[in-house]
Amino acid sequence: MAAVFDRRAIPQAAQESRWALPDGHLIRRIAFPSARGKPPRGSLLFMPGRGDFYEKYLESLAYWAGEGWHVSAADWRGQGASGRMTPDPMVGDIADFSIWIADLAALWRDFVANTPPPHVLVGHSMGGHLVLRAVAERAVTPAALVLSAPMLGFVSPIPQTVQHLFARLMCRIGNPARMAWPVSEKPGSPLDKRATLLTHDPDRYADEGWWRAARPELEIGPASWRWVERAAASVERLRAPGVLEAVTTPVLLLAAQHDALVAWPAIERAAARLPRAELVAWGGEARHEVLREVDGVRDAAMAAIDSFLDRMAVQPA
């Protein structure tokens, strides 16, 4: 019987570090060497979602390392333990998503230079949006791309056609760096309902709170109105005709059809537009954090990723 993974401890083999971006801003990274006794499979870089930190995904990172991948992950500039962009540490903010694209490009160059091929990129939610945009803009060139619940549209009472306009208005009538909503992950959702947005697994959900208590620097709250406006603009950028159609990288999309945070129809449309896309979807048995779901859903997601990478992430000739 396989040993139970301790999701509330950094594995001994993992190395945490700080790394300077080209402008000197320090971001936090973690690296897992591939498992001993297995032939090297390649290298995998994981990028988390909005408000996330890599501790939430230790279980998945360690699994991929056990499968022979050299695994790395990082906290985006301005969240996790990679600093903040406003005086209020609880606000998730960014001046423009292009900053994160440039950060990822720099991180990717360093990752590729220091790890064995083939190199693959995995992103969750906002991270999924950003890694797809980086590939579309040729800022990074992975052998394969995996997107978990990518943020390609929003679940909102505001119609898609006016979401960006509304966010621009909210930035103009007040401080753009102010919180766009008071609590939780979604406007209008109370904090005590947050778990119902993310996962059916109460233990995996509780891991996040444990890490926030153990490492208070990870604590962060809602996004700013500037983040909302820039996110809407970035989503529109990917929706532009011809953008996704020009992506030749193999892409696996994992999605929950009843996701209450990111829009399932937008993910489905993106999969149809991407020339080399595969889409795996769940019904009501899955919520937003597919990689942190109950074992049945999570195991199926990890198996789908394994199968996809075995077929698409091949060693260069």
C-alpha atoms as a PDB file:
ATOM      1  CA  MET A   1       0.000   0.000   0.000  1.00  0.00           C
ATOM      2  CA  ALA A   2       1.338   3.428  -0.957  1.00  0.00           C
ATOM      3  CA  ALA A   3       2.184   5.756   1.906  1.00  0.00           C
ATOM      4  CA  VAL A   4      -0.328   8.535   2.591  1.00  0.00           C
ATOM      5  CA  PHE A   5       1.063  11.847   1.418  1.00  0.00           C
ATOM      6  CA  ASP A   6       1.345  14.539   4.093  1.00  0.00           C
ATOM      7  CA  ARG A   7      -0.173  17.612   2.453  1.00  0.00           C
ATOM      8  CA  ARG A   8       0.809  19.782   5.426  1.00  0.00           C
ATOM      9  CA  ALA A   9       4.582  19.387   5.193  1.00  0.00           C
ATOM     10  CA  ILE A  10       7.172  20.359   2.598  1.00  0.00           C
ATOM     11  CA  PRO A  11       8.715  17.068   1.396  1.00  0.00           C
ATOM     12  CA  GLN A  12      12.358  16.630   2.387  1.00  0.00           C
ATOM     13  CA  ALA A  13      13.441  16.324  -1.234  1.00  0.00           C
ATOM     14  CA  ALA A  14      11.843  19.645  -2.193  1.00  0.00           C
ATOM     15  CA  GLN A  15      13.845  22.871  -2.177  1.00  0.00           C
ATOM     16  CA  GLU A  16      12.250  26.282  -1.561  1.00  0.00           C
ATOM     17  CA  SER A  17      14.032  29.401  -2.773  1.00  0.00           C
ATOM     18  CA  ARG A  18      13.715  33.047  -3.769  1.00  0.00           C
ATOM     19  CA  TRP A  19      14.432  34.097  -7.327  1.00  0.00           C
ATOM     20  CA  ALA A  20      14.883  37.602  -8.695  1.00  0.00           C
ATOM     21  CA  LEU A  21      12.871  38.653 -11.726  1.00  0.00           C
ATOM     22  CA  PRO A  22      14.629  40.935 -14.248  1.00  0.00           C
ATOM     23  CA  ASP A  23      13.396  44.056 -12.390  1.00  0.00           C
ATOM     24  CA  GLY A  24      14.681  42.714  -9.058  1.00  0.00           C
ATOM     25  CA  HIS A  25      11.297  41.668  -7.628  1.00  0.00           C
ATOM     26  CA  LEU A  26      11.725  38.434  -5.661  1.00  0.00           C
ATOM     27  CA  ILE A  27       9.343  35.565  -6.230  1.00  0.00           C
ATOM     28  CA  ARG A  28       9.174  32.302  -4.326  1.00  0.00           C
ATOM     29  CA  ARG A  29       9.874  28.973  -5.997  1.00  0.00           C
ATOM     30  CA  ILE A  30       9.880  25.300  -5.086  1.00  0.00           C
ATOM     31  CA  ALA A  31      11.588  22.438  -6.924  1.00  0.00           C
ATOM     32  CA  PHE A  32      11.156  18.670  -6.667  1.00  0.00           C
ATOM     33  CA  PRO A  33      13.796  16.443  -8.251  1.00  0.00           C
ATOM     34  CA  SER A  34      12.479  13.484 -10.205  1.00  0.00           C
ATOM     35  CA  ALA A  35      12.181  10.238  -8.263  1.00  0.00           C
ATOM     36  CA  ARG A  36      15.292   8.110  -7.932  1.00  0.00           C
ATOM     37  CA  GLY A  37      15.254   4.816  -9.758  1.00  0.00           C
ATOM     38  CA  LYS A  38      13.063   6.116 -12.575  1.00  0.00           C
ATOM     39  CA  PRO A  39      14.336   7.335 -15.937  1.00  0.00           C
ATOM     40  CA  PRO A  40      14.044  11.132 -16.245  1.00  0.00           C
ATOM     41  CA  ARG A  41      10.705  11.976 -17.867  1.00  0.00           C
ATOM     42  CA  GLY A  42      11.305  15.674 -18.486  1.00  0.00           C
ATOM     43  CA  SER A  43      10.464  18.850 -16.584  1.00  0.00           C
ATOM     44  CA  LEU A  44       7.136  20.326 -15.493  1.00  0.00           C
ATOM     45  CA  LEU A  45       6.441  23.876 -14.315  1.00  0.00           C
ATOM     46  CA  PHE A  46       3.187  24.494 -12.418  1.00  0.00           C
ATOM     47  CA  MET A  47       1.639  27.958 -11.977  1.00  0.00           C
ATOM     48  CA  PRO A  48      -1.283  28.418  -9.535  1.00  0.00           C
ATOM     49  CA  GLY A  49      -4.426  30.540  -9.630  1.00  0.00           C
ATOM     50  CA  ARG A  50      -5.461  33.931  -8.247  1.00  0.00           C
ATOM     51  CA  GLY A  51      -4.847  34.161  -4.522  1.00  0.00           C
ATOM     52  CA  ASP A  52      -3.141  30.768  -4.581  1.00  0.00           C
ATOM     53  CA  PHE A  53       0.197  29.533  -3.274  1.00  0.00           C
ATOM     54  CA  TYR A  54       2.114  26.414  -4.207  1.00  0.00           C
ATOM     55  CA  GLU A  55       1.576  24.654  -0.848  1.00  0.00           C
ATOM     56  CA  LYS A  56      -2.009  23.946  -1.945  1.00  0.00           C
ATOM     57  CA  TYR A  57      -0.669  21.717  -4.737  1.00  0.00           C
ATOM     58  CA  LEU A  58       2.120  19.820  -2.939  1.00  0.00           C
ATOM     59  CA  GLU A  59       0.249  16.554  -3.402  1.00  0.00           C
ATOM     60  CA  SER A  60       0.134  16.941  -7.187  1.00  0.00           C
ATOM     61  CA  LEU A  61       3.667  18.291  -7.440  1.00  0.00           C
ATOM     62  CA  ALA A  62       5.037  15.334  -5.481  1.00  0.00           C
ATOM     63  CA  TYR A  63       3.012  12.904  -7.601  1.00  0.00           C
ATOM     64  CA  TRP A  64       4.507  14.243 -10.836  1.00  0.00           C
ATOM     65  CA  ALA A  65       7.986  14.061  -9.334  1.00  0.00           C
ATOM     66  CA  GLY A  66       7.287  10.446  -8.442  1.00  0.00           C
ATOM     67  CA  GLU A  67       6.379   9.813 -12.069  1.00  0.00           C
ATOM     68  CA  GLY A  68       9.836  10.916 -13.140  1.00  0.00           C
ATOM     69  CA  TRP A  69       9.329  14.624 -13.820  1.00  0.00           C
ATOM     70  CA  HIS A  70      11.613  17.330 -12.505  1.00  0.00           C
ATOM     71  CA  VAL A  71       8.908  19.559 -11.017  1.00  0.00           C
ATOM     72  CA  SER A  72       8.931  23.252 -10.191  1.00  0.00           C
ATOM     73  CA  ALA A  73       6.280  25.783  -9.124  1.00  0.00           C
ATOM     74  CA  ALA A  74       6.225  29.448  -8.188  1.00  0.00           C
ATOM     75  CA  ASP A  75       3.975  32.033  -6.588  1.00  0.00           C
ATOM     76  CA  TRP A  76       3.006  34.809  -8.990  1.00  0.00           C
ATOM     77  CA  ARG A  77       4.350  38.307  -8.277  1.00  0.00           C
ATOM     78  CA  GLY A  78       2.011  39.939  -5.764  1.00  0.00           C
ATOM     79  CA  GLN A  79       0.547  36.841  -4.142  1.00  0.00           C
ATOM     80  CA  GLY A  80       1.521  33.822  -2.072  1.00  0.00           C
ATOM     81  CA  ALA A  81       4.935  34.652  -0.615  1.00  0.00           C
ATOM     82  CA  SER A  82       6.021  36.669  -3.661  1.00  0.00           C
ATOM     83  CA  GLY A  83       5.258  40.087  -2.169  1.00  0.00           C
ATOM     84  CA  ARG A  84       2.306  42.408  -2.670  1.00  0.00           C
ATOM     85  CA  MET A  85       1.484  45.157  -5.155  1.00  0.00           C
ATOM     86  CA  THR A  86      -0.450  47.521  -2.829  1.00  0.00           C
ATOM     87  CA  PRO A  87       0.071  48.785   0.743  1.00  0.00           C
ATOM     88  CA  ASP A  88      -2.860  46.581   1.814  1.00  0.00           C
ATOM     89  CA  PRO A  89      -1.467  43.007   1.843  1.00  0.00           C
ATOM     90  CA  MET A  90      -4.978  41.566   1.630  1.00  0.00           C
ATOM     91  CA  VAL A  91      -5.652  42.985  -1.840  1.00  0.00           C
ATOM     92  CA  GLY A  92      -4.751  40.998  -4.952  1.00  0.00           C
ATOM     93  CA  ASP A  93      -3.660  43.578  -7.513  1.00  0.00           C
ATOM     94  CA  ILE A  94      -1.676  43.994 -10.715  1.00  0.00           C
ATOM     95  CA  ALA A  95      -1.230  46.989 -13.022  1.00  0.00           C
ATOM     96  CA  ASP A  96      -1.572  44.793 -16.105  1.00  0.00           C
ATOM     97  CA  PHE A  97      -1.537  41.073 -16.880  1.00  0.00           C
ATOM     98  CA  SER A  98       1.347  41.682 -19.307  1.00  0.00           C
ATOM     99  CA  ILE A  99       3.576  42.024 -16.206  1.00  0.00           C
ATOM    100  CA  TRP A 100       2.789  38.427 -15.285  1.00  0.00           C
ATOM    101  CA  ILE A 101       3.379  37.305 -18.879  1.00  0.00           C
ATOM    102  CA  ALA A 102       6.849  38.901 -18.803  1.00  0.00           C
ATOM    103  CA  ASP A 103       7.532  37.331 -15.385  1.00  0.00           C
ATOM    104  CA  LEU A 104       6.547  33.910 -16.691  1.00  0.00           C
ATOM    105  CA  ALA A 105       8.739  34.343 -19.770  1.00  0.00           C
ATOM    106  CA  ALA A 106      11.753  35.097 -17.558  1.00  0.00           C
ATOM    107  CA  LEU A 107      10.971  32.212 -15.218  1.00  0.00           C
ATOM    108  CA  TRP A 108      10.496  29.868 -18.186  1.00  0.00           C
ATOM    109  CA  ARG A 109      13.865  30.790 -19.677  1.00  0.00           C
ATOM    110  CA  ASP A 110      15.594  29.966 -16.397  1.00  0.00           C
ATOM    111  CA  PHE A 111      13.576  26.765 -15.975  1.00  0.00           C
ATOM    112  CA  VAL A 112      14.376  25.502 -19.474  1.00  0.00           C
ATOM    113  CA  ALA A 113      18.064  26.367 -19.122  1.00  0.00           C
ATOM    114  CA  ASN A 114      18.455  24.358 -15.919  1.00  0.00           C
ATOM    115  CA  THR A 115      16.209  21.311 -16.318  1.00  0.00           C
ATOM    116  CA  PRO A 116      15.992  18.379 -18.771  1.00  0.00           C
ATOM    117  CA  PRO A 117      13.582  18.318 -21.727  1.00  0.00           C
ATOM    118  CA  PRO A 118      10.846  17.916 -22.717  1.00  0.00           C
ATOM    119  CA  HIS A 119       9.427  20.912 -20.853  1.00  0.00           C
ATOM    120  CA  VAL A 120       5.723  21.143 -20.060  1.00  0.00           C
ATOM    121  CA  LEU A 121       3.645  23.870 -18.463  1.00  0.00           C
ATOM    122  CA  VAL A 122       0.611  23.414 -16.184  1.00  0.00           C
ATOM    123  CA  GLY A 123      -1.626  26.244 -14.983  1.00  0.00           C
ATOM    124  CA  HIS A 124      -4.704  26.432 -12.758  1.00  0.00           C
ATOM    125  CA  SER A 125      -7.483  29.043 -13.071  1.00  0.00           C
ATOM    126  CA  MET A 126      -5.822  32.463 -13.472  1.00  0.00           C
ATOM    127  CA  GLY A 127      -2.568  30.551 -13.930  1.00  0.00           C
ATOM    128  CA  GLY A 128      -4.227  28.600 -16.732  1.00  0.00           C
ATOM    129  CA  HIS A 129      -5.288  31.826 -18.405  1.00  0.00           C
ATOM    130  CA  LEU A 130      -1.819  33.306 -18.120  1.00  0.00           C
ATOM    131  CA  VAL A 131       0.097  30.281 -19.388  1.00  0.00           C
ATOM    132  CA  LEU A 132      -2.275  29.964 -22.369  1.00  0.00           C
ATOM    133  CA  ARG A 133      -1.872  33.645 -23.171  1.00  0.00           C
ATOM    134  CA  ALA A 134       1.916  33.323 -22.844  1.00  0.00           C
ATOM    135  CA  VAL A 135       1.879  30.437 -25.332  1.00  0.00           C
ATOM    136  CA  ALA A 136      -0.436  32.350 -27.689  1.00  0.00           C
ATOM    137  CA  GLU A 137       1.932  35.326 -27.575  1.00  0.00           C
ATOM    138  CA  ARG A 138       4.970  33.028 -28.008  1.00  0.00           C
ATOM    139  CA  ALA A 139       6.479  34.221 -24.743  1.00  0.00           C
ATOM    140  CA  VAL A 140       6.978  30.550 -23.780  1.00  0.00           C
ATOM    141  CA  THR A 141       7.231  27.426 -25.934  1.00  0.00           C
ATOM    142  CA  PRO A 142       6.344  24.291 -23.944  1.00  0.00           C
ATOM    143  CA  ALA A 143       6.158  20.867 -25.548  1.00  0.00           C
ATOM    144  CA  ALA A 144       2.665  20.513 -24.056  1.00  0.00           C
ATOM    145  CA  LEU A 145       0.261  22.610 -22.000  1.00  0.00           C
ATOM    146  CA  VAL A 146      -2.213  21.530 -19.294  1.00  0.00           C
ATOM    147  CA  LEU A 147      -4.963  23.897 -18.134  1.00  0.00           C
ATOM    148  CA  SER A 148      -6.954  23.158 -14.973  1.00  0.00           C
ATOM    149  CA  ALA A 149     -10.211  25.157 -14.837  1.00  0.00           C
ATOM    150  CA  PRO A 150      -8.629  27.963 -16.891  1.00  0.00           C
ATOM    151  CA  MET A 151      -9.982  31.467 -16.366  1.00  0.00           C
ATOM    152  CA  LEU A 152     -11.233  32.113 -19.901  1.00  0.00           C
ATOM    153  CA  GLY A 153     -14.490  33.740 -18.818  1.00  0.00           C
ATOM    154  CA  PHE A 154     -16.303  34.602 -15.595  1.00  0.00           C
ATOM    155  CA  VAL A 155     -19.448  33.345 -13.886  1.00  0.00           C
ATOM    156  CA  SER A 156     -21.148  36.659 -13.169  1.00  0.00           C
ATOM    157  CA  PRO A 157     -24.647  38.204 -13.066  1.00  0.00           C
ATOM    158  CA  ILE A 158     -23.208  40.903 -15.363  1.00  0.00           C
ATOM    159  CA  PRO A 159     -23.497  39.914 -19.046  1.00  0.00           C
ATOM    160  CA  GLN A 160     -20.193  39.096 -20.723  1.00  0.00           C
ATOM    161  CA  THR A 161     -20.662  41.888 -23.257  1.00  0.00           C
ATOM    162  CA  VAL A 162     -20.518  44.587 -20.560  1.00  0.00           C
ATOM    163  CA  GLN A 163     -18.218  43.012 -17.927  1.00  0.00           C
ATOM    164  CA  HIS A 164     -15.154  44.932 -19.091  1.00  0.00           C
ATOM    165  CA  LEU A 165     -17.065  48.199 -19.429  1.00  0.00           C
ATOM    166  CA  PHE A 166     -18.488  47.829 -15.914  1.00  0.00           C
ATOM    167  CA  ALA A 167     -15.045  47.121 -14.436  1.00  0.00           C
ATOM    168  CA  ARG A 168     -13.598  50.187 -16.197  1.00  0.00           C
ATOM    169  CA  LEU A 169     -16.383  52.300 -14.704  1.00  0.00           C
ATOM    170  CA  MET A 170     -15.682  50.961 -11.197  1.00  0.00           C
ATOM    171  CA  CYS A 171     -12.001  51.864 -11.583  1.00  0.00           C
ATOM    172  CA  ARG A 172     -12.908  55.427 -12.550  1.00  0.00           C
ATOM    173  CA  ILE A 173     -15.336  56.136  -9.717  1.00  0.00           C
ATOM    174  CA  GLY A 174     -12.982  55.064  -6.917  1.00  0.00           C
ATOM    175  CA  ASN A 175      -9.513  53.863  -6.084  1.00  0.00           C
ATOM    176  CA  PRO A 176      -8.730  51.067  -8.596  1.00  0.00           C
ATOM    177  CA  ALA A 177      -6.668  49.301  -5.907  1.00  0.00           C
ATOM    178  CA  ARG A 178      -9.658  48.889  -3.564  1.00  0.00           C
ATOM    179  CA  MET A 179     -11.164  45.435  -3.067  1.00  0.00           C
ATOM    180  CA  ALA A 180     -13.728  44.543  -5.699  1.00  0.00           C
ATOM    181  CA  TRP A 181     -15.720  42.452  -3.205  1.00  0.00           C
ATOM    182  CA  PRO A 182     -15.487  41.955   0.570  1.00  0.00           C
ATOM    183  CA  VAL A 183     -14.800  38.231   1.126  1.00  0.00           C
ATOM    184  CA  SER A 184     -14.468  34.799  -0.477  1.00  0.00           C
ATOM    185  CA  GLU A 185     -13.523  34.089  -4.102  1.00  0.00           C
ATOM    186  CA  LYS A 186     -16.608  35.526  -5.777  1.00  0.00           C
ATOM    187  CA  PRO A 187     -18.643  38.735  -5.482  1.00  0.00           C
ATOM    188  CA  GLY A 188     -21.750  38.162  -3.374  1.00  0.00           C
ATOM    189  CA  SER A 189     -20.558  34.826  -1.959  1.00  0.00           C
ATOM    190  CA  PRO A 190     -20.224  34.683   1.859  1.00  0.00           C
ATOM    191  CA  LEU A 191     -17.025  33.354   3.360  1.00  0.00           C
ATOM    192  CA  ASP A 192     -18.751  30.350   4.931  1.00  0.00           C
ATOM    193  CA  LYS A 193     -19.824  29.194   1.440  1.00  0.00           C
ATOM    194  CA  ARG A 194     -16.321  29.444  -0.030  1.00  0.00           C
ATOM    195  CA  ALA A 195     -15.673  25.708   0.195  1.00  0.00           C
ATOM    196  CA  THR A 196     -18.703  25.010  -1.984  1.00  0.00           C
ATOM    197  CA  LEU A 197     -17.053  26.986  -4.782  1.00  0.00           C
ATOM    198  CA  LEU A 198     -13.766  25.089  -4.710  1.00  0.00           C
ATOM    199  CA  THR A 199     -13.958  21.374  -3.838  1.00  0.00           C
ATOM    200  CA  HIS A 200     -16.133  18.593  -2.426  1.00  0.00           C
ATOM    201  CA  ASP A 201     -13.202  17.373  -0.306  1.00  0.00           C
ATOM    202  CA  PRO A 202     -13.338  18.973   3.182  1.00  0.00           C
ATOM    203  CA  ASP A 203      -9.885  17.742   4.175  1.00  0.00           C
ATOM    204  CA  ARG A 204      -8.126  19.123   1.099  1.00  0.00           C
ATOM    205  CA  TYR A 205     -10.059  22.355   1.501  1.00  0.00           C
ATOM    206  CA  ALA A 206      -8.915  22.594   5.144  1.00  0.00           C
ATOM    207  CA  ASP A 207      -5.275  22.238   4.049  1.00  0.00           C
ATOM    208  CA  GLU A 208      -5.395  25.764   2.640  1.00  0.00           C
ATOM    209  CA  GLY A 209      -6.459  27.265   5.964  1.00  0.00           C
ATOM    210  CA  TRP A 210      -3.799  25.255   7.774  1.00  0.00           C
ATOM    211  CA  TRP A 211      -1.051  26.632   5.538  1.00  0.00           C
ATOM    212  CA  ARG A 212      -2.345  30.193   5.870  1.00  0.00           C
ATOM    213  CA  ALA A 213      -2.172  29.854   9.655  1.00  0.00           C
ATOM    214  CA  ALA A 214       1.275  28.218   9.555  1.00  0.00           C
ATOM    215  CA  ARG A 215       2.648  30.776   7.090  1.00  0.00           C
ATOM    216  CA  PRO A 216       0.720  34.044   7.586  1.00  0.00           C
ATOM    217  CA  GLU A 217       2.529  35.707   4.666  1.00  0.00           C
ATOM    218  CA  LEU A 218       0.384  33.566   2.346  1.00  0.00           C
ATOM    219  CA  GLU A 219      -2.844  35.247   3.466  1.00  0.00           C
ATOM    220  CA  ILE A 220      -4.551  37.321   0.784  1.00  0.00           C
ATOM    221  CA  GLY A 221      -8.112  38.412   0.130  1.00  0.00           C
ATOM    222  CA  PRO A 222     -10.212  39.507  -2.846  1.00  0.00           C
ATOM    223  CA  ALA A 223      -8.895  41.098  -6.002  1.00  0.00           C
ATOM    224  CA  SER A 224      -8.837  44.821  -6.711  1.00  0.00           C
ATOM    225  CA  TRP A 225     -11.102  46.498  -9.242  1.00  0.00           C
ATOM    226  CA  ARG A 226      -7.968  47.086 -11.312  1.00  0.00           C
ATOM    227  CA  TRP A 227      -7.355  43.319 -11.335  1.00  0.00           C
ATOM    228  CA  VAL A 228     -10.967  42.744 -12.438  1.00  0.00           C
ATOM    229  CA  GLU A 229     -10.660  45.276 -15.256  1.00  0.00           C
ATOM    230  CA  ARG A 230      -7.285  43.977 -16.438  1.00  0.00           C
ATOM    231  CA  ALA A 231      -8.543  40.366 -16.214  1.00  0.00           C
ATOM    232  CA  ALA A 232     -11.532  41.233 -18.409  1.00  0.00           C
ATOM    233  CA  ALA A 233      -9.215  42.931 -20.903  1.00  0.00           C
ATOM    234  CA  SER A 234      -6.910  39.908 -20.963  1.00  0.00           C
ATOM    235  CA  VAL A 235      -9.834  37.533 -21.501  1.00  0.00           C
ATOM    236  CA  GLU A 236     -10.952  39.668 -24.441  1.00  0.00           C
ATOM    237  CA  ARG A 237      -7.433  39.455 -25.832  1.00  0.00           C
ATOM    238  CA  LEU A 238      -7.642  35.658 -25.989  1.00  0.00           C
ATOM    239  CA  ARG A 239     -11.148  35.806 -27.458  1.00  0.00           C
ATOM    240  CA  ALA A 240      -9.944  37.844 -30.448  1.00  0.00           C
ATOM    241  CA  PRO A 241     -10.331  36.003 -33.770  1.00  0.00           C
ATOM    242  CA  GLY A 242      -7.282  34.021 -34.808  1.00  0.00           C
ATOM    243  CA  VAL A 243      -5.466  34.102 -31.453  1.00  0.00           C
ATOM    244  CA  LEU A 244      -6.249  30.608 -30.175  1.00  0.00           C
ATOM    245  CA  GLU A 245      -6.459  29.213 -33.697  1.00  0.00           C
ATOM    246  CA  ALA A 246      -2.745  29.978 -34.129  1.00  0.00           C
ATOM    247  CA  VAL A 247      -1.666  27.942 -31.060  1.00  0.00           C
ATOM    248  CA  THR A 248       0.037  24.779 -32.317  1.00  0.00           C
ATOM    249  CA  THR A 249       1.039  23.455 -28.874  1.00  0.00           C
ATOM    250  CA  PRO A 250      -0.924  20.394 -27.676  1.00  0.00           C
ATOM    251  CA  VAL A 251      -3.322  21.571 -24.939  1.00  0.00           C
ATOM    252  CA  LEU A 252      -5.269  19.555 -22.371  1.00  0.00           C
ATOM    253  CA  LEU A 253      -8.166  21.381 -20.691  1.00  0.00           C
ATOM    254  CA  LEU A 254      -9.714  20.054 -17.469  1.00  0.00           C
ATOM    255  CA  ALA A 255     -13.007  21.638 -16.450  1.00  0.00           C
ATOM    256  CA  ALA A 256     -16.069  21.339 -14.231  1.00  0.00           C
ATOM    257  CA  GLN A 257     -19.264  22.062 -16.140  1.00  0.00           C
ATOM    258  CA  HIS A 258     -20.863  23.548 -13.009  1.00  0.00           C
ATOM    259  CA  ASP A 259     -17.843  25.638 -11.998  1.00  0.00           C
ATOM    260  CA  ALA A 260     -19.160  28.662 -10.094  1.00  0.00           C
ATOM    261  CA  LEU A 261     -16.048  30.811 -10.686  1.00  0.00           C
ATOM    262  CA  VAL A 262     -14.872  30.385 -14.275  1.00  0.00           C
ATOM    263  CA  ALA A 263     -17.256  30.010 -17.177  1.00  0.00           C
ATOM    264  CA  TRP A 264     -17.589  26.479 -18.571  1.00  0.00           C
ATOM    265  CA  PRO A 265     -18.973  27.709 -21.950  1.00  0.00           C
ATOM    266  CA  ALA A 266     -15.830  29.832 -22.444  1.00  0.00           C
ATOM    267  CA  ILE A 267     -13.611  26.800 -21.793  1.00  0.00           C
ATOM    268  CA  GLU A 268     -15.658  24.672 -24.180  1.00  0.00           C
ATOM    269  CA  ARG A 269     -15.413  27.332 -26.909  1.00  0.00           C
ATOM    270  CA  ALA A 270     -11.659  27.686 -26.392  1.00  0.00           C
ATOM    271  CA  ALA A 271     -11.191  23.923 -26.723  1.00  0.00           C
ATOM    272  CA  ALA A 272     -13.023  24.019 -30.043  1.00  0.00           C
ATOM    273  CA  ARG A 273     -10.800  26.846 -31.300  1.00  0.00           C
ATOM    274  CA  LEU A 274      -7.442  25.361 -30.265  1.00  0.00           C
ATOM    275  CA  PRO A 275      -6.133  23.162 -33.115  1.00  0.00           C
ATOM    276  CA  ARG A 276      -4.581  20.470 -30.871  1.00  0.00           C
ATOM    277  CA  ALA A 277      -6.849  20.565 -27.827  1.00  0.00           C
ATOM    278  CA  GLU A 278      -8.265  17.765 -25.702  1.00  0.00           C
ATOM    279  CA  LEU A 279     -11.065  18.529 -23.245  1.00  0.00           C
ATOM    280  CA  VAL A 280     -11.938  16.450 -20.174  1.00  0.00           C
ATOM    281  CA  ALA A 281     -14.983  17.646 -18.237  1.00  0.00           C
ATOM    282  CA  TRP A 282     -16.935  16.642 -15.139  1.00  0.00           C
ATOM    283  CA  GLY A 283     -20.520  17.336 -14.111  1.00  0.00           C
ATOM    284  CA  GLY A 284     -21.753  18.118 -10.619  1.00  0.00           C
ATOM    285  CA  GLU A 285     -19.181  15.799  -9.035  1.00  0.00           C
ATOM    286  CA  ALA A 286     -16.440  18.416  -9.525  1.00  0.00           C
ATOM    287  CA  ARG A 287     -15.948  22.008  -8.498  1.00  0.00           C
ATOM    288  CA  HIS A 288     -13.342  24.595  -9.449  1.00  0.00           C
ATOM    289  CA  GLU A 289     -10.212  23.017  -7.928  1.00  0.00           C
ATOM    290  CA  VAL A 290     -10.167  19.756  -9.873  1.00  0.00           C
ATOM    291  CA  LEU A 291      -6.650  18.924  -8.659  1.00  0.00           C
ATOM    292  CA  ARG A 292      -7.848  19.215  -5.040  1.00  0.00           C
ATOM    293  CA  GLU A 293     -11.126  17.330  -5.439  1.00  0.00           C
ATOM    294  CA  VAL A 294     -12.277  14.072  -3.868  1.00  0.00           C
ATOM    295  CA  ASP A 295     -10.137  11.082  -4.832  1.00  0.00           C
ATOM    296  CA  GLY A 296     -12.416   9.820  -7.602  1.00  0.00           C
ATOM    297  CA  VAL A 297     -12.332  13.110  -9.513  1.00  0.00           C
ATOM    298  CA  ARG A 298      -8.727  13.951  -8.709  1.00  0.00           C
ATOM    299  CA  ASP A 299      -7.448  10.496  -9.670  1.00  0.00           C
ATOM    300  CA  ALA A 300      -9.253  10.748 -13.007  1.00  0.00           C
ATOM    301  CA  ALA A 301      -7.760  14.200 -13.596  1.00  0.00           C
ATOM    302  CA  MET A 302      -4.241  13.011 -12.830  1.00  0.00           C
ATOM    303  CA  ALA A 303      -4.717   9.974 -15.079  1.00  0.00           C
ATOM    304  CA  ALA A 304      -5.889  12.226 -17.916  1.00  0.00           C
ATOM    305  CA  ILE A 305      -2.796  14.405 -17.474  1.00  0.00           C
ATOM    306  CA  ASP A 306      -0.537  11.333 -17.424  1.00  0.00           C
ATOM    307  CA  SER A 307      -2.069   9.990 -20.622  1.00  0.00           C
ATOM    308  CA  PHE A 308      -1.870  13.353 -22.371  1.00  0.00           C
ATOM    309  CA  LEU A 309       1.769  13.952 -21.440  1.00  0.00           C
ATOM    310  CA  ASP A 310       2.764  10.401 -22.369  1.00  0.00           C
ATOM    311  CA  ARG A 311       1.410  11.035 -25.867  1.00  0.00           C
ATOM    312  CA  MET A 312       2.232  14.701 -26.415  1.00  0.00           C
ATOM    313  CA  ALA A 313       5.296  15.622 -24.317  1.00  0.00           C
ATOM    314  CA  VAL A 314       7.919  13.694 -26.217  1.00  0.00           C
ATOM    315  CA  GLN A 315      11.700  13.870 -25.949  1.00  0.00           C
ATOM    316  CA  PRO A 316      13.120  16.059 -28.718  1.00  0.00           C
ATOM    317  CA  ALA A 317      14.950  14.188 -31.461  1.00  0.00           C
END
